């Protein structure tokens, strides 16, 4: 079997195509793989933020279905950075540039686009559906929606917006100092522990408006913790920027994060809804060949691991944009 270590904006994963196995993985096998592969101290190649499982579609005409297993064992409804890497894997496998991938809540359009730099392939993916309704988050609160409002239980100074894209996100715009003053970590720990508002937890992002159509986003990802980047968080942040600051749509927004950079485009639909494009790298750092028993038994010395040159190219690209 083959396994791929990949990343989008530093958000790293292992891709495993279940369709190429003799039989689908059991729940206990997925859990064991998650433990063995993703742990940051003992995992394969320094661990990962999660595993991206590729399965046969359950309905529709998409090429395949993507499941996202977070490092803590929870399953995410979507992952924008991960979707780009799966788009690349499927594009290479089928020799197609534009197609759709099934996710938990929607079939999403994806496509190959111009490389960011030599050796830094890029893909664009659809991020949807979008909802501000508290039931989509879910959220227990007196108000049906929260857009640019204070939540006294969280802070006496910050204004928050809550949106599902479809992963749930809590967004606050801050100045540069506010990115690193500890409030992000404090609030994220509260809303992802036992709390009366977000019973299933929620992703939390602090956003700095650097310039017109330029953002910096720092995210605590539910099920992962502080992460180099979260694709749906960058899209949710871009949506709120378009609604609260620029009040324009269909313009490219550059979003930087600790893992690199993406571009987003916020679209308004005819019925007053929204969807986003997420454009960014899809980097393969390692190709791994071995057997499922070797992965389940954690006998990594039996694996054949090939490191690519793509991470070197990606780091050179990051240096060029800093």
C-alpha atoms as a PDB file:
ATOM      1  CA  UNK A   1       0.000   0.000   0.000  1.00  0.00           C
ATOM      2  CA  UNK A   2       1.002   3.613  -0.516  1.00  0.00           C
ATOM      3  CA  UNK A   3       0.758   6.532   1.867  1.00  0.00           C
ATOM      4  CA  UNK A   4       1.543  10.199   1.257  1.00  0.00           C
ATOM      5  CA  UNK A   5       2.719  12.853   3.706  1.00  0.00           C
ATOM      6  CA  UNK A   6       1.336  16.157   2.447  1.00  0.00           C
ATOM      7  CA  UNK A   7       0.581  19.684   3.563  1.00  0.00           C
ATOM      8  CA  UNK A   8      -1.371  22.759   2.590  1.00  0.00           C
ATOM      9  CA  UNK A   9       0.077  25.938   4.141  1.00  0.00           C
ATOM     10  CA  UNK A  10       1.892  23.825   6.714  1.00  0.00           C
ATOM     11  CA  UNK A  11      -1.310  22.027   7.767  1.00  0.00           C
ATOM     12  CA  UNK A  12       0.045  18.468   7.400  1.00  0.00           C
ATOM     13  CA  UNK A  13      -1.657  15.122   6.846  1.00  0.00           C
ATOM     14  CA  UNK A  14      -1.221  11.564   5.719  1.00  0.00           C
ATOM     15  CA  UNK A  15      -3.305  10.615   2.671  1.00  0.00           C
ATOM     16  CA  UNK A  16      -4.482   7.004   2.571  1.00  0.00           C
ATOM     17  CA  UNK A  17      -6.560   5.726  -0.344  1.00  0.00           C
ATOM     18  CA  UNK A  18      -8.818   3.056   1.159  1.00  0.00           C
ATOM     19  CA  UNK A  19     -10.067   2.090  -2.283  1.00  0.00           C
ATOM     20  CA  UNK A  20      -6.714   0.427  -2.954  1.00  0.00           C
ATOM     21  CA  UNK A  21      -6.921  -1.809   0.112  1.00  0.00           C
ATOM     22  CA  UNK A  22      -8.328  -5.334  -0.054  1.00  0.00           C
ATOM     23  CA  UNK A  23     -11.118  -4.231   2.293  1.00  0.00           C
ATOM     24  CA  UNK A  24     -12.196  -0.987   3.998  1.00  0.00           C
ATOM     25  CA  UNK A  25     -10.543  -0.060   7.277  1.00  0.00           C
ATOM     26  CA  UNK A  26     -12.439  -0.835  10.457  1.00  0.00           C
ATOM     27  CA  UNK A  27     -13.085   1.871  13.048  1.00  0.00           C
ATOM     28  CA  UNK A  28     -10.497   0.311  15.351  1.00  0.00           C
ATOM     29  CA  UNK A  29      -7.909   0.235  12.547  1.00  0.00           C
ATOM     30  CA  UNK A  30      -8.520   3.912  11.762  1.00  0.00           C
ATOM     31  CA  UNK A  31      -8.115   4.737  15.442  1.00  0.00           C
ATOM     32  CA  UNK A  32      -4.856   2.777  15.671  1.00  0.00           C
ATOM     33  CA  UNK A  33      -3.495   4.428  12.528  1.00  0.00           C
ATOM     34  CA  UNK A  34      -4.415   7.826  13.935  1.00  0.00           C
ATOM     35  CA  UNK A  35      -2.486   7.100  17.135  1.00  0.00           C
ATOM     36  CA  UNK A  36       0.540   5.610  15.385  1.00  0.00           C
ATOM     37  CA  UNK A  37       0.885   8.125  12.582  1.00  0.00           C
ATOM     38  CA  UNK A  38      -0.176  11.479  13.983  1.00  0.00           C
ATOM     39  CA  UNK A  39       1.415  11.748  17.421  1.00  0.00           C
ATOM     40  CA  UNK A  40       3.879  14.655  17.338  1.00  0.00           C
ATOM     41  CA  UNK A  41       6.449  12.813  19.480  1.00  0.00           C
ATOM     42  CA  UNK A  42       6.197   9.191  18.344  1.00  0.00           C
ATOM     43  CA  UNK A  43       4.341   9.430  15.027  1.00  0.00           C
ATOM     44  CA  UNK A  44       5.668   8.742  11.565  1.00  0.00           C
ATOM     45  CA  UNK A  45       7.819  11.568  10.143  1.00  0.00           C
ATOM     46  CA  UNK A  46       7.086  13.862  13.072  1.00  0.00           C
ATOM     47  CA  UNK A  47       3.356  13.159  13.158  1.00  0.00           C
ATOM     48  CA  UNK A  48       0.602  15.162  11.510  1.00  0.00           C
ATOM     49  CA  UNK A  49      -2.545  17.169  12.090  1.00  0.00           C
ATOM     50  CA  UNK A  50      -4.635  14.271  10.835  1.00  0.00           C
ATOM     51  CA  UNK A  51      -5.339  11.548   8.289  1.00  0.00           C
ATOM     52  CA  UNK A  52      -7.201  12.115   5.013  1.00  0.00           C
ATOM     53  CA  UNK A  53      -9.044   8.957   3.991  1.00  0.00           C
ATOM     54  CA  UNK A  54     -10.124   8.568   0.370  1.00  0.00           C
ATOM     55  CA  UNK A  55     -13.175   6.374  -0.113  1.00  0.00           C
ATOM     56  CA  UNK A  56     -15.660   5.478  -2.835  1.00  0.00           C
ATOM     57  CA  UNK A  57     -18.438   8.017  -3.267  1.00  0.00           C
ATOM     58  CA  UNK A  58     -21.706   7.291  -1.477  1.00  0.00           C
ATOM     59  CA  UNK A  59     -23.769   9.269  -4.013  1.00  0.00           C
ATOM     60  CA  UNK A  60     -23.401  11.659  -6.929  1.00  0.00           C
ATOM     61  CA  UNK A  61     -20.713  11.912  -9.601  1.00  0.00           C
ATOM     62  CA  UNK A  62     -17.647  13.017  -7.616  1.00  0.00           C
ATOM     63  CA  UNK A  63     -14.375  11.186  -8.252  1.00  0.00           C
ATOM     64  CA  UNK A  64     -14.033  10.135  -4.616  1.00  0.00           C
ATOM     65  CA  UNK A  65     -15.037  10.917  -1.051  1.00  0.00           C
ATOM     66  CA  UNK A  66     -12.722  12.561   1.493  1.00  0.00           C
ATOM     67  CA  UNK A  67     -12.922  11.919   5.239  1.00  0.00           C
ATOM     68  CA  UNK A  68     -10.890  13.968   7.726  1.00  0.00           C
ATOM     69  CA  UNK A  69      -9.685  12.270  10.906  1.00  0.00           C
ATOM     70  CA  UNK A  70      -8.144  14.811  13.295  1.00  0.00           C
ATOM     71  CA  UNK A  71      -5.116  14.077  15.435  1.00  0.00           C
ATOM     72  CA  UNK A  72      -7.311  13.731  18.541  1.00  0.00           C
ATOM     73  CA  UNK A  73      -9.544  11.133  16.851  1.00  0.00           C
ATOM     74  CA  UNK A  74     -12.505  13.394  16.074  1.00  0.00           C
ATOM     75  CA  UNK A  75     -13.808  13.607  12.515  1.00  0.00           C
ATOM     76  CA  UNK A  76     -14.073  17.009  10.843  1.00  0.00           C
ATOM     77  CA  UNK A  77     -16.826  17.763   8.362  1.00  0.00           C
ATOM     78  CA  UNK A  78     -14.322  19.433   6.028  1.00  0.00           C
ATOM     79  CA  UNK A  79     -10.743  20.660   5.734  1.00  0.00           C
ATOM     80  CA  UNK A  80      -9.817  23.216   3.095  1.00  0.00           C
ATOM     81  CA  UNK A  81      -6.068  22.694   3.247  1.00  0.00           C
ATOM     82  CA  UNK A  82      -6.527  18.940   3.198  1.00  0.00           C
ATOM     83  CA  UNK A  83      -8.989  19.148   0.307  1.00  0.00           C
ATOM     84  CA  UNK A  84      -6.340  20.798  -1.864  1.00  0.00           C
ATOM     85  CA  UNK A  85      -3.910  17.935  -1.264  1.00  0.00           C
ATOM     86  CA  UNK A  86      -6.587  15.331  -2.002  1.00  0.00           C
ATOM     87  CA  UNK A  87      -7.483  17.286  -5.147  1.00  0.00           C
ATOM     88  CA  UNK A  88      -3.878  17.011  -6.270  1.00  0.00           C
ATOM     89  CA  UNK A  89      -3.715  13.290  -5.500  1.00  0.00           C
ATOM     90  CA  UNK A  90      -6.905  12.607  -7.483  1.00  0.00           C
ATOM     91  CA  UNK A  91      -5.866  14.960 -10.305  1.00  0.00           C
ATOM     92  CA  UNK A  92      -2.592  13.064 -10.693  1.00  0.00           C
ATOM     93  CA  UNK A  93      -4.371   9.695 -10.440  1.00  0.00           C
ATOM     94  CA  UNK A  94      -7.105  10.419 -12.997  1.00  0.00           C
ATOM     95  CA  UNK A  95      -5.283  12.995 -15.148  1.00  0.00           C
ATOM     96  CA  UNK A  96      -8.138  15.446 -14.649  1.00  0.00           C
ATOM     97  CA  UNK A  97      -7.793  19.139 -13.834  1.00  0.00           C
ATOM     98  CA  UNK A  98     -11.359  19.966 -12.772  1.00  0.00           C
ATOM     99  CA  UNK A  99     -13.787  17.703 -10.911  1.00  0.00           C
ATOM    100  CA  UNK A 100     -15.612  17.399  -7.591  1.00  0.00           C
ATOM    101  CA  UNK A 101     -14.900  15.606  -4.322  1.00  0.00           C
ATOM    102  CA  UNK A 102     -17.565  14.392  -1.908  1.00  0.00           C
ATOM    103  CA  UNK A 103     -17.248  15.638   1.672  1.00  0.00           C
ATOM    104  CA  UNK A 104     -19.474  15.153   4.698  1.00  0.00           C
ATOM    105  CA  UNK A 105     -22.006  17.833   3.734  1.00  0.00           C
ATOM    106  CA  UNK A 106     -21.423  18.645   0.060  1.00  0.00           C
ATOM    107  CA  UNK A 107     -19.787  17.723  -3.223  1.00  0.00           C
ATOM    108  CA  UNK A 108     -17.159  20.433  -3.699  1.00  0.00           C
ATOM    109  CA  UNK A 109     -15.602  21.622  -6.955  1.00  0.00           C
ATOM    110  CA  UNK A 110     -11.815  21.536  -7.134  1.00  0.00           C
ATOM    111  CA  UNK A 111      -9.260  22.298  -9.807  1.00  0.00           C
ATOM    112  CA  UNK A 112      -5.638  22.712 -10.701  1.00  0.00           C
ATOM    113  CA  UNK A 113      -4.402  26.292 -11.000  1.00  0.00           C
ATOM    114  CA  UNK A 114      -1.132  28.119 -11.689  1.00  0.00           C
ATOM    115  CA  UNK A 115       1.743  27.100  -9.437  1.00  0.00           C
ATOM    116  CA  UNK A 116       2.716  29.591  -6.751  1.00  0.00           C
ATOM    117  CA  UNK A 117       6.373  29.121  -7.683  1.00  0.00           C
ATOM    118  CA  UNK A 118       8.677  26.588  -9.316  1.00  0.00           C
ATOM    119  CA  UNK A 119       8.024  23.281  -7.553  1.00  0.00           C
ATOM    120  CA  UNK A 120       5.042  24.663  -5.580  1.00  0.00           C
ATOM    121  CA  UNK A 121       1.897  23.279  -7.262  1.00  0.00           C
ATOM    122  CA  UNK A 122      -1.361  25.009  -6.339  1.00  0.00           C
ATOM    123  CA  UNK A 123      -5.020  23.984  -6.379  1.00  0.00           C
ATOM    124  CA  UNK A 124      -8.269  25.856  -5.930  1.00  0.00           C
ATOM    125  CA  UNK A 125     -11.172  24.359  -3.989  1.00  0.00           C
ATOM    126  CA  UNK A 126     -14.738  25.347  -3.212  1.00  0.00           C
ATOM    127  CA  UNK A 127     -15.612  26.031   0.436  1.00  0.00           C
ATOM    128  CA  UNK A 128     -19.324  25.681   1.177  1.00  0.00           C
ATOM    129  CA  UNK A 129     -22.053  25.535   2.427  1.00  0.00           C
ATOM    130  CA  UNK A 130     -22.051  28.717   4.526  1.00  0.00           C
ATOM    131  CA  UNK A 131     -24.487  29.355   7.377  1.00  0.00           C
ATOM    132  CA  UNK A 132     -24.706  31.891  10.204  1.00  0.00           C
ATOM    133  CA  UNK A 133     -27.581  30.043  11.880  1.00  0.00           C
ATOM    134  CA  UNK A 134     -26.788  28.860  15.398  1.00  0.00           C
ATOM    135  CA  UNK A 135     -28.177  25.391  14.659  1.00  0.00           C
ATOM    136  CA  UNK A 136     -25.524  24.864  11.985  1.00  0.00           C
ATOM    137  CA  UNK A 137     -22.666  25.529  14.419  1.00  0.00           C
ATOM    138  CA  UNK A 138     -24.270  24.286  16.787  1.00  0.00           C
ATOM    139  CA  UNK A 139     -24.525  27.033  19.408  1.00  0.00           C
ATOM    140  CA  UNK A 140     -26.707  27.481  22.472  1.00  0.00           C
ATOM    141  CA  UNK A 141     -27.310  31.212  22.774  1.00  0.00           C
ATOM    142  CA  UNK A 142     -30.166  33.666  23.058  1.00  0.00           C
ATOM    143  CA  UNK A 143     -29.459  35.148  19.623  1.00  0.00           C
ATOM    144  CA  UNK A 144     -29.964  33.213  16.404  1.00  0.00           C
ATOM    145  CA  UNK A 145     -26.831  34.665  14.797  1.00  0.00           C
ATOM    146  CA  UNK A 146     -23.710  36.410  16.076  1.00  0.00           C
ATOM    147  CA  UNK A 147     -22.047  38.812  13.625  1.00  0.00           C
ATOM    148  CA  UNK A 148     -19.611  41.398  15.003  1.00  0.00           C
ATOM    149  CA  UNK A 149     -21.085  41.220  18.513  1.00  0.00           C
ATOM    150  CA  UNK A 150     -19.721  40.880  22.004  1.00  0.00           C
ATOM    151  CA  UNK A 151     -20.064  37.587  23.864  1.00  0.00           C
ATOM    152  CA  UNK A 152     -19.609  38.606  27.523  1.00  0.00           C
ATOM    153  CA  UNK A 153     -18.894  35.021  28.548  1.00  0.00           C
ATOM    154  CA  UNK A 154     -15.768  35.141  26.376  1.00  0.00           C
ATOM    155  CA  UNK A 155     -14.467  38.725  26.492  1.00  0.00           C
ATOM    156  CA  UNK A 156     -15.447  42.228  27.594  1.00  0.00           C
ATOM    157  CA  UNK A 157     -13.578  43.887  24.719  1.00  0.00           C
ATOM    158  CA  UNK A 158     -13.601  41.688  21.618  1.00  0.00           C
ATOM    159  CA  UNK A 159     -16.346  41.460  18.998  1.00  0.00           C
ATOM    160  CA  UNK A 160     -17.042  38.012  17.555  1.00  0.00           C
ATOM    161  CA  UNK A 161     -18.689  36.486  14.531  1.00  0.00           C
ATOM    162  CA  UNK A 162     -19.849  32.869  14.350  1.00  0.00           C
ATOM    163  CA  UNK A 163     -20.163  31.082  11.014  1.00  0.00           C
ATOM    164  CA  UNK A 164     -20.269  27.522   9.681  1.00  0.00           C
ATOM    165  CA  UNK A 165     -18.412  26.890   6.395  1.00  0.00           C
ATOM    166  CA  UNK A 166     -19.402  24.033   7.190  1.00  0.00           C
ATOM    167  CA  UNK A 167     -16.791  23.637   9.959  1.00  0.00           C
ATOM    168  CA  UNK A 168     -17.832  25.988  12.789  1.00  0.00           C
ATOM    169  CA  UNK A 169     -15.708  29.101  13.328  1.00  0.00           C
ATOM    170  CA  UNK A 170     -15.493  31.846  15.940  1.00  0.00           C
ATOM    171  CA  UNK A 171     -13.803  34.900  14.394  1.00  0.00           C
ATOM    172  CA  UNK A 172     -12.439  38.036  16.091  1.00  0.00           C
ATOM    173  CA  UNK A 173     -10.574  40.912  14.409  1.00  0.00           C
ATOM    174  CA  UNK A 174      -7.650  42.193  16.476  1.00  0.00           C
ATOM    175  CA  UNK A 175      -4.584  44.400  16.091  1.00  0.00           C
ATOM    176  CA  UNK A 176      -1.124  42.849  15.697  1.00  0.00           C
ATOM    177  CA  UNK A 177      -0.505  42.718  19.443  1.00  0.00           C
ATOM    178  CA  UNK A 178      -3.821  40.974  19.938  1.00  0.00           C
ATOM    179  CA  UNK A 179      -2.655  38.041  17.843  1.00  0.00           C
ATOM    180  CA  UNK A 180      -0.185  37.006  20.512  1.00  0.00           C
ATOM    181  CA  UNK A 181      -1.437  38.375  23.849  1.00  0.00           C
ATOM    182  CA  UNK A 182      -2.756  35.006  25.047  1.00  0.00           C
ATOM    183  CA  UNK A 183      -6.446  35.750  24.530  1.00  0.00           C
ATOM    184  CA  UNK A 184      -6.724  33.367  21.574  1.00  0.00           C
ATOM    185  CA  UNK A 185      -5.393  30.482  23.629  1.00  0.00           C
ATOM    186  CA  UNK A 186      -7.550  31.357  26.647  1.00  0.00           C
ATOM    187  CA  UNK A 187     -10.781  31.654  24.692  1.00  0.00           C
ATOM    188  CA  UNK A 188     -10.056  28.585  22.553  1.00  0.00           C
ATOM    189  CA  UNK A 189      -9.370  26.466  25.636  1.00  0.00           C
ATOM    190  CA  UNK A 190     -12.679  27.620  27.150  1.00  0.00           C
ATOM    191  CA  UNK A 191     -14.909  27.023  24.116  1.00  0.00           C
ATOM    192  CA  UNK A 192     -13.278  23.656  23.386  1.00  0.00           C
ATOM    193  CA  UNK A 193     -13.692  22.440  26.937  1.00  0.00           C
ATOM    194  CA  UNK A 194     -16.882  22.110  28.955  1.00  0.00           C
ATOM    195  CA  UNK A 195     -18.824  25.307  28.271  1.00  0.00           C
ATOM    196  CA  UNK A 196     -22.494  26.316  27.987  1.00  0.00           C
ATOM    197  CA  UNK A 197     -22.341  27.851  24.485  1.00  0.00           C
ATOM    198  CA  UNK A 198     -20.453  25.573  22.083  1.00  0.00           C
ATOM    199  CA  UNK A 199     -21.136  22.068  23.323  1.00  0.00           C
ATOM    200  CA  UNK A 200     -19.199  20.439  20.438  1.00  0.00           C
ATOM    201  CA  UNK A 201     -16.372  22.985  20.566  1.00  0.00           C
ATOM    202  CA  UNK A 202     -15.481  25.439  17.798  1.00  0.00           C
ATOM    203  CA  UNK A 203     -12.484  26.610  15.773  1.00  0.00           C
ATOM    204  CA  UNK A 204     -11.212  29.995  16.966  1.00  0.00           C
ATOM    205  CA  UNK A 205      -9.350  32.527  14.795  1.00  0.00           C
ATOM    206  CA  UNK A 206      -7.896  35.956  15.532  1.00  0.00           C
ATOM    207  CA  UNK A 207      -7.554  38.058  12.384  1.00  0.00           C
ATOM    208  CA  UNK A 208      -5.380  41.103  11.699  1.00  0.00           C
ATOM    209  CA  UNK A 209      -6.231  43.332   8.734  1.00  0.00           C
ATOM    210  CA  UNK A 210      -2.738  44.069   7.409  1.00  0.00           C
ATOM    211  CA  UNK A 211      -3.834  46.142   4.396  1.00  0.00           C
ATOM    212  CA  UNK A 212      -6.634  46.227   1.864  1.00  0.00           C
ATOM    213  CA  UNK A 213      -7.445  42.608   0.923  1.00  0.00           C
ATOM    214  CA  UNK A 214      -4.536  41.366   3.031  1.00  0.00           C
ATOM    215  CA  UNK A 215      -5.082  39.426   6.259  1.00  0.00           C
ATOM    216  CA  UNK A 216      -3.065  37.496   8.810  1.00  0.00           C
ATOM    217  CA  UNK A 217      -4.950  34.689  10.546  1.00  0.00           C
ATOM    218  CA  UNK A 218      -3.938  32.729  13.627  1.00  0.00           C
ATOM    219  CA  UNK A 219      -6.125  29.707  14.425  1.00  0.00           C
ATOM    220  CA  UNK A 220      -6.809  27.239  17.206  1.00  0.00           C
ATOM    221  CA  UNK A 221      -8.314  24.301  15.341  1.00  0.00           C
ATOM    222  CA  UNK A 222     -10.833  22.099  17.088  1.00  0.00           C
ATOM    223  CA  UNK A 223      -9.352  18.616  17.448  1.00  0.00           C
ATOM    224  CA  UNK A 224      -5.829  19.822  16.623  1.00  0.00           C
ATOM    225  CA  UNK A 225      -4.908  22.873  18.725  1.00  0.00           C
ATOM    226  CA  UNK A 226      -2.856  25.833  17.514  1.00  0.00           C
ATOM    227  CA  UNK A 227      -2.122  25.044  13.893  1.00  0.00           C
ATOM    228  CA  UNK A 228       0.095  26.411  11.139  1.00  0.00           C
ATOM    229  CA  UNK A 229      -3.005  27.054   9.061  1.00  0.00           C
ATOM    230  CA  UNK A 230      -6.662  26.113   8.775  1.00  0.00           C
ATOM    231  CA  UNK A 231      -8.168  26.457   5.323  1.00  0.00           C
ATOM    232  CA  UNK A 232     -11.784  26.844   6.373  1.00  0.00           C
ATOM    233  CA  UNK A 233     -10.716  29.361   9.052  1.00  0.00           C
ATOM    234  CA  UNK A 234      -8.988  31.485   6.424  1.00  0.00           C
ATOM    235  CA  UNK A 235     -12.127  31.340   4.277  1.00  0.00           C
ATOM    236  CA  UNK A 236     -14.395  32.197   7.217  1.00  0.00           C
ATOM    237  CA  UNK A 237     -12.082  35.088   8.101  1.00  0.00           C
ATOM    238  CA  UNK A 238     -12.139  36.317   4.498  1.00  0.00           C
ATOM    239  CA  UNK A 239     -15.932  36.162   4.439  1.00  0.00           C
ATOM    240  CA  UNK A 240     -16.200  38.267   7.591  1.00  0.00           C
ATOM    241  CA  UNK A 241     -13.608  40.713   6.206  1.00  0.00           C
ATOM    242  CA  UNK A 242     -15.702  41.148   3.044  1.00  0.00           C
ATOM    243  CA  UNK A 243     -18.886  41.638   5.069  1.00  0.00           C
ATOM    244  CA  UNK A 244     -17.501  43.925   7.788  1.00  0.00           C
ATOM    245  CA  UNK A 245     -14.599  45.779   6.149  1.00  0.00           C
ATOM    246  CA  UNK A 246     -14.278  45.821   2.349  1.00  0.00           C
ATOM    247  CA  UNK A 247     -17.977  45.178   1.593  1.00  0.00           C
ATOM    248  CA  UNK A 248     -16.907  43.845  -1.811  1.00  0.00           C
ATOM    249  CA  UNK A 249     -16.980  40.379  -3.329  1.00  0.00           C
ATOM    250  CA  UNK A 250     -15.203  38.447  -6.096  1.00  0.00           C
ATOM    251  CA  UNK A 251     -11.814  39.994  -5.265  1.00  0.00           C
ATOM    252  CA  UNK A 252      -8.706  38.013  -4.390  1.00  0.00           C
ATOM    253  CA  UNK A 253      -7.739  38.283  -0.733  1.00  0.00           C
ATOM    254  CA  UNK A 254      -4.228  37.310   0.358  1.00  0.00           C
ATOM    255  CA  UNK A 255      -4.244  35.498   3.676  1.00  0.00           C
ATOM    256  CA  UNK A 256      -0.985  34.789   5.484  1.00  0.00           C
ATOM    257  CA  UNK A 257      -0.570  32.453   8.447  1.00  0.00           C
ATOM    258  CA  UNK A 258       2.262  30.874  10.387  1.00  0.00           C
ATOM    259  CA  UNK A 259       2.467  28.108   7.760  1.00  0.00           C
ATOM    260  CA  UNK A 260       2.534  30.254   4.652  1.00  0.00           C
ATOM    261  CA  UNK A 261      -0.003  31.955   2.410  1.00  0.00           C
ATOM    262  CA  UNK A 262      -3.230  31.293   0.522  1.00  0.00           C
ATOM    263  CA  UNK A 263      -5.577  33.340  -1.619  1.00  0.00           C
ATOM    264  CA  UNK A 264      -9.320  33.426  -1.156  1.00  0.00           C
ATOM    265  CA  UNK A 265     -12.251  34.777  -3.158  1.00  0.00           C
ATOM    266  CA  UNK A 266     -15.616  35.411  -1.500  1.00  0.00           C
ATOM    267  CA  UNK A 267     -18.637  34.967  -3.760  1.00  0.00           C
ATOM    268  CA  UNK A 268     -22.195  36.133  -3.161  1.00  0.00           C
ATOM    269  CA  UNK A 269     -24.928  33.938  -4.624  1.00  0.00           C
ATOM    270  CA  UNK A 270     -28.155  35.133  -6.198  1.00  0.00           C
ATOM    271  CA  UNK A 271     -30.198  34.128  -3.160  1.00  0.00           C
ATOM    272  CA  UNK A 272     -28.064  36.156  -0.735  1.00  0.00           C
ATOM    273  CA  UNK A 273     -25.822  33.286   0.316  1.00  0.00           C
ATOM    274  CA  UNK A 274     -22.050  32.930   0.070  1.00  0.00           C
ATOM    275  CA  UNK A 275     -19.324  30.517  -0.942  1.00  0.00           C
ATOM    276  CA  UNK A 276     -15.557  30.850  -1.101  1.00  0.00           C
ATOM    277  CA  UNK A 277     -12.641  29.760  -3.261  1.00  0.00           C
ATOM    278  CA  UNK A 278      -9.505  28.682  -1.418  1.00  0.00           C
ATOM    279  CA  UNK A 279      -6.330  28.749  -3.510  1.00  0.00           C
ATOM    280  CA  UNK A 280      -3.056  27.437  -2.168  1.00  0.00           C
ATOM    281  CA  UNK A 281      -0.221  24.946  -2.303  1.00  0.00           C
ATOM    282  CA  UNK A 282      -0.676  21.185  -2.307  1.00  0.00           C
ATOM    283  CA  UNK A 283       2.732  19.851  -1.341  1.00  0.00           C
ATOM    284  CA  UNK A 284       3.824  16.213  -1.173  1.00  0.00           C
ATOM    285  CA  UNK A 285       6.766  15.878   1.197  1.00  0.00           C
ATOM    286  CA  UNK A 286       7.062  12.061   1.348  1.00  0.00           C
ATOM    287  CA  UNK A 287       5.855   8.983  -0.506  1.00  0.00           C
ATOM    288  CA  UNK A 288       5.629   5.919   1.707  1.00  0.00           C
ATOM    289  CA  UNK A 289       5.283   2.281   0.680  1.00  0.00           C
ATOM    290  CA  UNK A 290       4.683  -0.633   3.006  1.00  0.00           C
ATOM    291  CA  UNK A 291       1.980  -2.816   4.440  1.00  0.00           C
ATOM    292  CA  UNK A 292      -1.026  -2.074   6.610  1.00  0.00           C
ATOM    293  CA  UNK A 293       0.237  -4.436   9.365  1.00  0.00           C
ATOM    294  CA  UNK A 294       3.505  -2.454   9.521  1.00  0.00           C
ATOM    295  CA  UNK A 295       1.548   0.749  10.106  1.00  0.00           C
ATOM    296  CA  UNK A 296      -0.784  -0.858  12.635  1.00  0.00           C
ATOM    297  CA  UNK A 297       2.100  -2.497  14.508  1.00  0.00           C
ATOM    298  CA  UNK A 298       4.191   0.683  14.346  1.00  0.00           C
ATOM    299  CA  UNK A 299       7.073  -1.166  12.678  1.00  0.00           C
ATOM    300  CA  UNK A 300       8.067   1.861  10.655  1.00  0.00           C
ATOM    301  CA  UNK A 301      11.491   0.393   9.860  1.00  0.00           C
ATOM    302  CA  UNK A 302       9.728  -1.913   7.379  1.00  0.00           C
ATOM    303  CA  UNK A 303       8.454   1.047   5.365  1.00  0.00           C
ATOM    304  CA  UNK A 304      10.110   2.447   2.249  1.00  0.00           C
ATOM    305  CA  UNK A 305      10.075   6.229   2.563  1.00  0.00           C
ATOM    306  CA  UNK A 306      10.974   8.565  -0.301  1.00  0.00           C
ATOM    307  CA  UNK A 307      11.420  12.260   0.480  1.00  0.00           C
ATOM    308  CA  UNK A 308      10.579  14.654  -2.338  1.00  0.00           C
ATOM    309  CA  UNK A 309      12.196  18.006  -3.162  1.00  0.00           C
ATOM    310  CA  UNK A 310       8.896  19.856  -2.794  1.00  0.00           C
ATOM    311  CA  UNK A 311       9.328  21.016   0.791  1.00  0.00           C
ATOM    312  CA  UNK A 312      12.602  22.727  -0.102  1.00  0.00           C
ATOM    313  CA  UNK A 313      10.829  24.540  -2.940  1.00  0.00           C
ATOM    314  CA  UNK A 314       7.963  25.495  -0.640  1.00  0.00           C
ATOM    315  CA  UNK A 315      10.281  26.937   2.010  1.00  0.00           C
ATOM    316  CA  UNK A 316      12.060  28.986  -0.663  1.00  0.00           C
ATOM    317  CA  UNK A 317       8.678  30.318  -1.755  1.00  0.00           C
ATOM    318  CA  UNK A 318       7.812  31.264   1.840  1.00  0.00           C
ATOM    319  CA  UNK A 319      11.118  33.128   2.174  1.00  0.00           C
ATOM    320  CA  UNK A 320      10.289  35.101  -0.975  1.00  0.00           C
ATOM    321  CA  UNK A 321       6.958  36.388   0.378  1.00  0.00           C
ATOM    322  CA  UNK A 322       8.038  37.292   3.918  1.00  0.00           C
END
